[in-house]
C-alpha cells in the first residue's frame, strides 16, 4: 500500500468511527456523549508516543488534548481544533442511514461527515503521523477534539478558554470550515474562513387571554398573534452591509462584472440573490451581507380546547460583525412593527461577530502548502454565516481560521446545503488531501 493510500484509509476509517459514535448534541447537558469519540481518539493515538489529556465539563462531555512540544519557546504554537459532536437528524430525509457511515464509491455518508468530523479525523491522522515520524519542531502543535460546538460551546471551547486556557493557549488556531475549491478562470480559489457572524438567539413571548376553544370569536388568542409575528420576522430584511471580506471574496470569484457589482452593492444585493443560482451560492451571499432572522421553534398551548394565553417563538439571529446585540433587539422591534407592544424579547444568547486578518505568517504557510498540493490555487478570505469555536479564540486576540482541503468531486455549491441538512457526505480523496495538508502545514510552519 502506498503512503497516500495508507493516509486515505486511516482517515476514512477514523471518520467512520466518529460518525458511528453518534454524538448527537440536542443542546441539553445530558446529550452529546462525546466521551465515546474521546475514547476512540485515545485508542487511535495509542502507540504513537502521544500523551492524551481529558477535560470533562459535565458527565459525558469530555474533550481531548494531545500535543507535540516545540523545542523553542519563542516559536509559535498552533492549535488544530475539531469538534466531535453533531446535530440531530431526521433519518427519513436521508438516502442512507445517517449513522452507518457507509462507504460507497469513495464517498463516506453520515451525520457530521462535513460538519466537521472529517476535519477532526484528518487533523488527528496528521498529528499521529507527525508523532510517529519523530517530528520535533521548533513550535508546539496542539490537537484538540472538543465537545459541544453545535450548541454554543458552553461545555467545550467556552469552558476551556474560560477555565482551562493554559491547556489550549496558542498563537494561531485552525478549525472549520473552508477549503472547498471554487473554479475560476485564473485557477482554483480556496476560501479560508476569517470571520463569522454573532450568535444572537432570541425568544419572543406573546401573551393573550385564555378561553374555551369552542367560542373563539373576538378572543385574544396568543397563537394567532404569534403567527403574524412569525410571518413578519421571517419576511424582515434589514439593510445590507458590505464588508471588506465579502467584497474581496466576490472579486476573487471572477463573476460577470454586472453580477459582481450587484453582489457588492447594499442597495441591489437582495434583489440579486433572489435570482441567483445555484441555491447554495444565493444563501451564502444573502447570509454574508445581511443580519438574518430565522424563526425556528414555537412553544405554546396546553390543550386543544383551550385558547392559549402564552406562546414563545425561538428565533435564530445571526448578526454581521459590527452589529451589536442591542442592534438586534432594535431590528426585531422594527420587524414586528405595531405588534411590538405585544412582544417581550428575551435574550438567551447575545454575541458579537468576530474577524481575523488574512495577512499572517500562518496564512502565508498555508498558501505555500496548498499551492504545492493544488497547483495554481489561491487562498482567498471568506465569512461564514454560521458560528464556530474560532470565535472564542478571536475574542482573546488569537488569529483563528477555518480551513480544510477538499477535492473537486463534490461541487462547492453543494456544501452549504449539507451543513445541518440531509445526506452529509465527503469523498475519501478529500480526506487524504486534508490529512496530507495538515502534516505539511505543521512541518512548514512549526519547523
Protein backbone atom coordinates (compact mmCIF):
# COMPACT_ATOMS: atom_id res chain seq x y z
CA UNK A 1 0.00 0.00 0.00
CA UNK A 2 1.35 3.42 -0.94
CA UNK A 3 1.71 6.14 1.68
CA UNK A 4 -1.10 8.12 0.02
CA UNK A 5 -3.39 5.10 0.18
CA UNK A 6 -2.44 4.49 3.80
CA UNK A 7 -3.32 8.09 4.75
CA UNK A 8 -6.65 7.87 2.93
CA UNK A 9 -7.54 4.58 4.58
CA UNK A 10 -6.62 5.76 8.07
CA UNK A 11 -8.59 8.97 7.73
CA UNK A 12 -11.58 7.18 6.24
CA UNK A 13 -11.80 4.56 8.98
CA UNK A 14 -11.36 7.10 11.77
CA UNK A 15 -14.07 9.30 10.27
CA UNK A 16 -16.43 6.32 10.00
CA UNK A 17 -15.83 5.51 13.66
CA UNK A 18 -16.62 9.08 14.72
CA UNK A 19 -19.83 9.09 12.67
CA UNK A 20 -20.95 5.76 14.16
CA UNK A 21 -20.40 7.09 17.67
CA UNK A 22 -23.46 9.30 17.05
CA UNK A 23 -22.51 12.09 19.47
CA UNK A 24 -25.78 13.92 18.87
CA UNK A 25 -25.97 17.26 20.64
CA UNK A 26 -29.54 18.42 21.29
CA UNK A 27 -28.45 21.35 23.43
CA UNK A 28 -29.24 19.52 26.66
CA UNK A 29 -26.38 18.98 29.10
CA UNK A 30 -27.04 15.24 29.13
CA UNK A 31 -26.78 14.89 25.34
CA UNK A 32 -23.67 14.66 23.16
CA UNK A 33 -21.87 11.81 24.96
CA UNK A 34 -18.68 12.93 23.23
CA UNK A 35 -16.66 10.74 25.60
CA UNK A 36 -17.35 7.95 23.09
CA UNK A 37 -15.28 9.72 20.46
CA UNK A 38 -12.63 10.72 23.00
CA UNK A 39 -12.23 7.00 23.76
CA UNK A 40 -11.90 6.32 20.03
CA UNK A 41 -9.32 9.08 19.55
CA UNK A 42 -7.31 7.92 22.55
CA UNK A 43 -7.30 4.40 21.14
CA UNK A 44 -6.20 5.78 17.78
CA UNK A 45 -3.28 7.72 19.32
CA UNK A 46 -2.13 4.72 21.38
CA UNK A 47 1.36 3.57 20.45
CA UNK A 48 2.33 6.85 18.80
CA UNK A 49 4.09 8.29 21.83
CA UNK A 50 1.39 10.95 22.28
CA UNK A 51 0.00 11.56 25.77
CA UNK A 52 -3.69 12.43 25.92
CA UNK A 53 -5.34 14.76 28.43
CA UNK A 54 -9.08 14.65 29.16
CA UNK A 55 -11.14 17.66 30.20
CA UNK A 56 -14.67 16.92 31.41
CA UNK A 57 -17.01 19.86 31.99
CA UNK A 58 -20.13 17.71 32.57
CA UNK A 59 -20.60 13.93 32.75
CA UNK A 60 -20.01 12.55 29.26
CA UNK A 61 -18.94 15.93 27.88
CA UNK A 62 -15.24 15.25 27.54
CA UNK A 63 -12.69 17.00 25.32
CA UNK A 64 -9.32 15.52 24.42
CA UNK A 65 -5.98 17.31 24.05
CA UNK A 66 -2.65 15.97 22.90
CA UNK A 67 0.44 17.89 21.90
CA UNK A 68 3.87 17.75 20.36
CA UNK A 69 6.01 20.14 22.37
CA UNK A 70 8.29 22.51 20.48
CA UNK A 71 11.94 22.91 21.30
CA UNK A 72 11.93 26.74 21.09
CA UNK A 73 9.64 28.65 23.49
CA UNK A 74 9.84 31.69 21.21
CA UNK A 75 8.40 29.77 18.24
CA UNK A 76 4.63 29.84 17.56
CA UNK A 77 2.10 27.38 18.92
CA UNK A 78 -0.54 26.07 16.50
CA UNK A 79 -3.84 24.62 17.72
CA UNK A 80 -5.70 22.24 15.39
CA UNK A 81 -9.25 22.07 16.75
CA UNK A 82 -12.05 19.77 15.65
CA UNK A 83 -15.37 19.19 17.37
CA UNK A 84 -16.76 15.72 18.00
CA UNK A 85 -20.48 16.44 18.38
CA UNK A 86 -23.10 16.54 15.62
CA UNK A 87 -26.58 17.98 15.25
CA UNK A 88 -29.79 15.90 15.41
CA UNK A 89 -31.06 14.27 12.25
CA UNK A 90 -34.34 13.23 10.62
CA UNK A 91 -33.42 9.86 9.05
CA UNK A 92 -36.42 9.83 6.69
CA UNK A 93 -34.86 12.65 4.67
CA UNK A 94 -31.65 10.71 4.00
CA UNK A 95 -30.74 8.38 1.15
CA UNK A 96 -28.61 6.32 3.57
CA UNK A 97 -28.52 5.60 7.29
CA UNK A 98 -27.05 8.80 8.80
CA UNK A 99 -25.09 6.88 11.46
CA UNK A 100 -24.00 3.81 9.49
CA UNK A 101 -21.04 5.67 7.93
CA UNK A 102 -21.48 3.78 4.68
CA UNK A 103 -18.57 3.94 2.25
CA UNK A 104 -19.95 3.85 -1.28
CA UNK A 105 -17.89 4.54 -4.40
CA UNK A 106 -15.28 6.50 -2.46
CA UNK A 107 -17.77 8.61 -0.52
CA UNK A 108 -18.47 8.43 3.23
CA UNK A 109 -22.09 9.17 4.14
CA UNK A 110 -23.22 10.24 7.59
CA UNK A 111 -24.19 12.96 10.01
CA UNK A 112 -21.11 15.04 10.69
CA UNK A 113 -19.25 13.94 7.56
CA UNK A 114 -18.94 17.59 6.52
CA UNK A 115 -19.69 19.30 9.85
CA UNK A 116 -16.96 18.70 10.94
CA UNK A 117 -15.89 15.15 11.70
CA UNK A 118 -13.83 14.88 8.51
CA UNK A 119 -11.59 17.69 9.77
CA UNK A 120 -11.47 16.28 13.30
CA UNK A 121 -10.36 12.94 11.85
CA UNK A 122 -7.79 14.25 9.37
CA UNK A 123 -6.22 16.55 11.96
CA UNK A 124 -5.83 13.50 14.21
CA UNK A 125 -4.28 11.46 11.41
CA UNK A 126 -1.72 14.18 10.69
CA UNK A 127 -0.89 14.60 14.39
CA UNK A 128 -0.34 10.86 14.85
CA UNK A 129 1.81 10.60 11.71
CA UNK A 130 3.95 13.51 12.83
CA UNK A 131 4.45 11.97 16.27
CA UNK A 132 5.34 8.55 14.87
CA UNK A 133 7.84 10.12 12.47
CA UNK A 134 9.76 11.66 15.37
CA UNK A 135 8.73 15.21 14.45
CA UNK A 136 10.45 17.57 16.91
CA UNK A 137 9.51 21.06 15.76
CA UNK A 138 10.60 24.49 16.91
CA UNK A 139 6.99 25.44 17.62
CA UNK A 140 4.36 23.47 19.54
CA UNK A 141 1.46 21.59 17.96
CA UNK A 142 -1.74 21.07 19.97
CA UNK A 143 -4.56 18.81 18.81
CA UNK A 144 -7.99 19.39 20.40
CA UNK A 145 -11.06 17.21 19.97
CA UNK A 146 -13.65 19.45 21.57
CA UNK A 147 -17.26 18.99 22.69
CA UNK A 148 -20.46 21.00 22.32
CA UNK A 149 -19.68 23.16 19.32
CA UNK A 150 -23.14 22.52 17.92
CA UNK A 151 -24.97 24.04 20.90
CA UNK A 152 -22.91 27.13 21.65
CA UNK A 153 -19.73 25.54 23.09
CA UNK A 154 -20.79 26.02 26.72
CA UNK A 155 -19.17 22.71 27.71
CA UNK A 156 -16.37 22.92 25.15
CA UNK A 157 -14.46 25.88 23.74
CA UNK A 158 -16.18 28.40 26.01
CA UNK A 159 -15.36 26.30 29.07
CA UNK A 160 -11.77 25.64 28.00
CA UNK A 161 -10.92 29.23 27.09
CA UNK A 162 -12.52 30.44 30.31
CA UNK A 163 -11.46 27.79 32.85
CA UNK A 164 -8.52 25.90 31.29
CA UNK A 165 -6.94 28.42 28.95
CA UNK A 166 -3.37 27.32 29.68
CA UNK A 167 -4.23 23.94 28.17
CA UNK A 168 -5.36 25.43 24.84
CA UNK A 169 -3.36 28.64 24.71
CA UNK A 170 -1.93 29.10 21.24
CA UNK A 171 -0.69 31.76 18.87
CA UNK A 172 -2.84 30.51 15.98
CA UNK A 173 -5.94 28.32 15.64
CA UNK A 174 -7.41 26.40 12.72
CA UNK A 175 -10.85 24.78 12.85
CA UNK A 176 -13.83 24.58 10.44
CA UNK A 177 -14.72 25.48 7.69
CA UNK A 178 -13.27 26.31 4.28
CA UNK A 179 -11.01 24.92 1.60
CA UNK A 180 -13.73 23.74 -0.77
CA UNK A 181 -12.27 24.53 -4.22
CA UNK A 182 -14.08 27.12 -6.32
CA UNK A 183 -13.21 27.05 -10.03
CA UNK A 184 -12.44 30.39 -11.65
CA UNK A 185 -10.89 31.50 -14.94
CA UNK A 186 -7.47 32.14 -13.39
CA UNK A 187 -7.40 28.94 -11.34
CA UNK A 188 -8.80 27.29 -8.23
CA UNK A 189 -9.77 29.53 -5.32
CA UNK A 190 -9.51 28.10 -1.80
CA UNK A 191 -11.60 30.06 0.74
CA UNK A 192 -10.23 30.49 4.26
CA UNK A 193 -12.79 31.50 6.87
CA UNK A 194 -11.54 34.69 8.52
CA UNK A 195 -14.74 35.87 10.20
CA UNK A 196 -18.17 34.86 11.34
CA UNK A 197 -21.43 36.33 12.49
CA UNK A 198 -22.51 36.79 16.07
CA UNK A 199 -24.99 34.29 17.54
CA UNK A 200 -27.96 36.20 18.94
CA UNK A 201 -30.71 33.77 19.89
CA UNK A 202 -33.94 35.44 20.88
CA UNK A 203 -37.19 34.23 22.41
CA UNK A 204 -40.24 36.31 21.54
CA UNK A 205 -43.04 35.88 24.09
CA UNK A 206 -46.61 36.78 23.11
CA UNK A 207 -49.37 36.81 25.71
CA UNK A 208 -53.12 36.57 25.27
CA UNK A 209 -56.22 35.70 27.27
CA UNK A 210 -57.27 32.09 27.90
CA UNK A 211 -60.71 30.92 26.94
CA UNK A 212 -62.74 28.00 25.67
CA UNK A 213 -61.79 26.75 22.24
CA UNK A 214 -65.42 26.25 21.31
CA UNK A 215 -66.02 30.02 21.37
CA UNK A 216 -63.10 31.64 19.51
CA UNK A 217 -64.94 34.74 18.25
CA UNK A 218 -63.28 38.02 19.36
CA UNK A 219 -60.85 36.23 21.67
CA UNK A 220 -57.25 37.26 22.34
CA UNK A 221 -55.55 34.11 21.06
CA UNK A 222 -51.79 34.35 21.65
CA UNK A 223 -51.13 31.78 18.92
CA UNK A 224 -52.93 33.83 16.27
CA UNK A 225 -50.89 36.90 17.21
CA UNK A 226 -47.73 34.79 17.27
CA UNK A 227 -48.45 33.54 13.75
CA UNK A 228 -48.41 37.11 12.46
CA UNK A 229 -45.20 37.81 14.42
CA UNK A 230 -43.58 34.78 12.79
CA UNK A 231 -44.66 35.97 9.37
CA UNK A 232 -43.26 39.45 9.92
CA UNK A 233 -39.94 38.26 11.34
CA UNK A 234 -39.46 35.77 8.51
CA UNK A 235 -40.17 38.47 5.91
CA UNK A 236 -37.96 41.10 7.54
CA UNK A 237 -34.86 42.12 5.63
CA UNK A 238 -32.59 44.70 7.28
CA UNK A 239 -30.45 46.85 5.05
CA UNK A 240 -27.50 45.01 3.61
CA UNK A 241 -23.96 45.74 4.79
CA UNK A 242 -20.99 45.02 2.52
CA UNK A 243 -17.89 44.05 4.49
CA UNK A 244 -14.40 44.14 3.03
CA UNK A 245 -14.09 40.35 3.34
CA UNK A 246 -17.22 39.83 1.23
CA UNK A 247 -16.12 42.38 -1.36
CA UNK A 248 -12.74 40.66 -1.74
CA UNK A 249 -14.33 37.20 -1.85
CA UNK A 250 -16.69 38.19 -4.65
CA UNK A 251 -13.89 39.85 -6.62
CA UNK A 252 -11.86 36.62 -6.49
CA UNK A 253 -14.72 34.58 -7.94
CA UNK A 254 -14.29 36.37 -11.29
CA UNK A 255 -18.01 36.67 -11.92
CA UNK A 256 -19.59 38.72 -14.69
CA UNK A 257 -18.95 42.42 -13.93
CA UNK A 258 -22.65 43.25 -13.54
CA UNK A 259 -23.23 40.38 -11.12
CA UNK A 260 -20.13 41.30 -9.09
CA UNK A 261 -21.34 44.89 -8.89
CA UNK A 262 -24.82 43.82 -7.76
CA UNK A 263 -23.50 41.43 -5.10
CA UNK A 264 -21.35 44.17 -3.57
CA UNK A 265 -23.98 46.94 -3.71
CA UNK A 266 -26.04 47.19 -0.50
CA UNK A 267 -28.96 48.58 -2.48
CA UNK A 268 -29.00 45.77 -5.05
CA UNK A 269 -27.69 42.64 -3.39
CA UNK A 270 -31.06 41.44 -2.05
CA UNK A 271 -32.63 41.54 -5.48
CA UNK A 272 -29.57 39.88 -6.98
CA UNK A 273 -29.61 36.91 -4.61
CA UNK A 274 -33.33 36.45 -5.26
CA UNK A 275 -32.48 35.25 -8.77
CA UNK A 276 -29.02 33.83 -8.14
CA UNK A 277 -28.24 30.22 -8.97
CA UNK A 278 -27.10 27.83 -7.64
CA UNK A 279 -29.10 27.97 -4.42
CA UNK A 280 -26.09 27.34 -2.18
CA UNK A 281 -24.34 30.44 -3.52
CA UNK A 282 -27.52 32.52 -3.12
CA UNK A 283 -27.87 31.53 0.52
CA UNK A 284 -24.21 32.27 1.21
CA UNK A 285 -24.44 35.66 -0.50
CA UNK A 286 -27.51 36.64 1.50
CA UNK A 287 -26.03 35.47 4.82
CA UNK A 288 -22.75 37.31 4.26
CA UNK A 289 -24.47 40.62 3.51
CA UNK A 290 -27.37 40.63 5.97
CA UNK A 291 -28.08 40.09 9.62
CA UNK A 292 -30.51 37.17 9.36
CA UNK A 293 -33.63 36.20 11.33
CA UNK A 294 -34.95 32.64 11.26
CA UNK A 295 -37.97 31.76 13.48
CA UNK A 296 -37.40 28.06 14.08
CA UNK A 297 -39.27 26.84 17.17
CA UNK A 298 -42.69 27.67 18.65
CA UNK A 299 -43.78 26.74 22.19
CA UNK A 300 -47.37 27.29 23.29
CA UNK A 301 -50.80 25.97 24.06
CA UNK A 302 -51.79 23.46 26.67
CA UNK A 303 -54.88 21.66 25.35
CA UNK A 304 -56.79 21.53 22.11
CA UNK A 305 -59.91 23.12 23.60
CA UNK A 306 -58.10 25.91 25.49
CA UNK A 307 -57.28 29.20 23.79
CA UNK A 308 -53.57 29.78 24.54
CA UNK A 309 -52.56 32.72 26.68
CA UNK A 310 -48.79 32.40 26.07
CA UNK A 311 -46.74 31.47 23.01
CA UNK A 312 -42.95 31.69 22.71
CA UNK A 313 -41.08 31.85 19.41
CA UNK A 314 -37.38 30.99 19.27
CA UNK A 315 -35.57 33.00 16.60
CA UNK A 316 -32.04 32.25 15.42
CA UNK A 317 -30.47 35.63 14.69
CA UNK A 318 -27.02 35.83 13.14
CA UNK A 319 -25.56 39.33 13.29
CA UNK A 320 -22.88 40.59 10.94
CA UNK A 321 -19.66 41.79 12.57
CA UNK A 322 -20.29 45.32 13.78
CA UNK A 323 -23.93 44.65 14.66
CA UNK A 324 -24.41 44.57 18.43
CA UNK A 325 -26.96 42.62 20.49
CA UNK A 326 -28.75 45.92 21.14
CA UNK A 327 -28.93 46.49 17.38
CA UNK A 328 -30.52 43.05 17.04
CA UNK A 329 -33.27 43.91 19.52
CA UNK A 330 -33.97 47.17 17.69
CA UNK A 331 -34.25 45.27 14.41
CA UNK A 332 -36.72 42.80 15.94
CA UNK A 333 -38.91 45.65 17.14
CA UNK A 334 -38.78 47.13 13.69
CA UNK A 335 -39.69 43.78 12.17
CA UNK A 336 -42.84 43.26 14.28
CA UNK A 337 -43.95 46.86 13.82
CA UNK A 338 -47.21 47.78 15.55
CA UNK A 339 -47.19 44.44 17.40
CA UNK A 340 -44.04 45.41 19.34
CA UNK A 341 -46.06 46.21 22.46
CA UNK A 342 -47.39 42.62 22.41
CA UNK A 343 -43.91 41.05 22.20
CA UNK A 344 -41.48 40.51 25.07
CA UNK A 345 -37.92 39.91 23.87
CA UNK A 346 -35.80 37.51 25.89
CA UNK A 347 -32.13 37.08 25.00
CA UNK A 348 -30.68 33.66 25.89
CA UNK A 349 -27.56 34.48 23.88
CA UNK A 350 -26.11 37.70 22.51
CA UNK A 351 -22.67 37.70 20.92
CA UNK A 352 -20.65 39.95 18.68
CA UNK A 353 -19.26 38.69 15.39
CA UNK A 354 -15.53 38.09 15.02
CA UNK A 355 -12.88 38.68 12.36
CA UNK A 356 -9.21 37.81 11.78
CA UNK A 357 -6.76 39.29 9.31
CA UNK A 358 -5.74 37.11 6.39
CA UNK A 359 -2.27 38.68 6.46
CA UNK A 360 -0.40 36.47 8.95
CA UNK A 361 2.60 34.10 8.76
CA UNK A 362 0.25 31.11 9.20
CA UNK A 363 -1.78 32.01 6.12
CA UNK A 364 1.45 32.53 4.18
CA UNK A 365 2.47 28.98 5.12
CA UNK A 366 -1.00 27.69 4.25
CA UNK A 367 -0.73 29.29 0.83
CA UNK A 368 2.64 27.64 0.19
CA UNK A 369 1.38 24.22 1.20
CA UNK A 370 -1.90 24.37 -0.74
CA UNK A 371 -0.20 25.65 -3.89
CA UNK A 372 2.06 22.62 -3.78
CA UNK A 373 -0.91 20.26 -3.39
CA UNK A 374 -3.25 22.13 -5.74
CA UNK A 375 -1.04 23.84 -8.34
CA UNK A 376 -2.34 27.20 -9.48
CA UNK A 377 -4.63 27.62 -6.48
CA UNK A 378 -5.04 30.80 -4.46
CA UNK A 379 -6.11 31.38 -0.86
CA UNK A 380 -9.00 33.87 -0.55
CA UNK A 381 -10.82 35.21 2.54
CA UNK A 382 -14.44 34.49 3.32
CA UNK A 383 -17.06 34.99 6.00
CA UNK A 384 -19.23 32.18 7.29
CA UNK A 385 -22.89 32.54 8.10
CA UNK A 386 -22.64 30.04 10.94
CA UNK A 387 -20.69 30.11 14.18
CA UNK A 388 -17.62 28.08 15.07
CA UNK A 389 -15.40 27.62 18.09
CA UNK A 390 -12.91 30.01 16.48
CA UNK A 391 -14.81 32.97 17.93
CA UNK A 392 -13.74 32.17 21.49
CA UNK A 393 -10.12 32.48 20.45
CA UNK A 394 -10.62 35.55 18.25
CA UNK A 395 -12.22 37.31 21.23
CA UNK A 396 -8.94 36.68 23.07
CA UNK A 397 -6.93 38.20 20.23
CA UNK A 398 -5.77 34.88 18.75
CA UNK A 399 -5.81 34.76 14.91
CA UNK A 400 -8.19 31.92 14.11
CA UNK A 401 -9.21 30.42 10.79
CA UNK A 402 -11.46 27.83 9.22
CA UNK A 403 -9.95 25.52 6.63
CA UNK A 404 -9.53 22.02 5.26
CA UNK A 405 -8.59 20.88 1.76
CA UNK A 406 -11.19 19.24 -0.44
CA UNK A 407 -11.14 17.62 -3.84
CA UNK A 408 -13.42 18.80 -6.64
CA UNK A 409 -15.50 15.63 -6.65
CA UNK A 410 -18.38 17.22 -4.71
CA UNK A 411 -19.16 20.66 -6.21
CA UNK A 412 -18.62 23.64 -3.91
CA UNK A 413 -22.24 24.67 -4.43
CA UNK A 414 -23.47 21.55 -2.61
CA UNK A 415 -21.60 22.09 0.66
CA UNK A 416 -23.83 24.86 2.05
CA UNK A 417 -26.85 22.58 1.61
CA UNK A 418 -25.28 19.71 3.56
CA UNK A 419 -24.48 21.60 6.77
CA UNK A 420 -27.23 20.59 9.22
CA UNK A 421 -29.11 19.21 6.23
CA UNK A 422 -29.77 15.82 4.68
CA UNK A 423 -27.26 13.50 3.04
CA UNK A 424 -24.00 14.81 4.50
CA UNK A 425 -21.07 13.16 2.79
CA UNK A 426 -17.42 13.61 1.94
CA UNK A 427 -15.18 11.85 -0.54
CA UNK A 428 -12.12 9.93 0.56
CA UNK A 429 -9.81 11.92 -1.72
CA UNK A 430 -10.70 15.00 0.33
CA UNK A 431 -9.76 13.10 3.47
CA UNK A 432 -6.36 12.25 2.01
CA UNK A 433 -5.79 15.82 0.82
CA UNK A 434 -6.71 17.32 4.19
CA UNK A 435 -4.57 14.93 6.24
CA UNK A 436 -1.63 15.47 3.88
CA UNK A 437 -2.11 19.23 4.05
CA UNK A 438 -2.21 19.32 7.87
CA UNK A 439 1.01 17.35 8.09
CA UNK A 440 2.77 19.53 5.50
CA UNK A 441 1.50 22.73 7.15
CA UNK A 442 2.85 21.71 10.56
CA UNK A 443 6.26 20.87 9.08
CA UNK A 444 6.35 24.17 7.18
CA UNK A 445 5.02 26.48 9.87
CA UNK A 446 6.33 24.91 13.07
CA UNK A 447 9.71 23.97 11.61
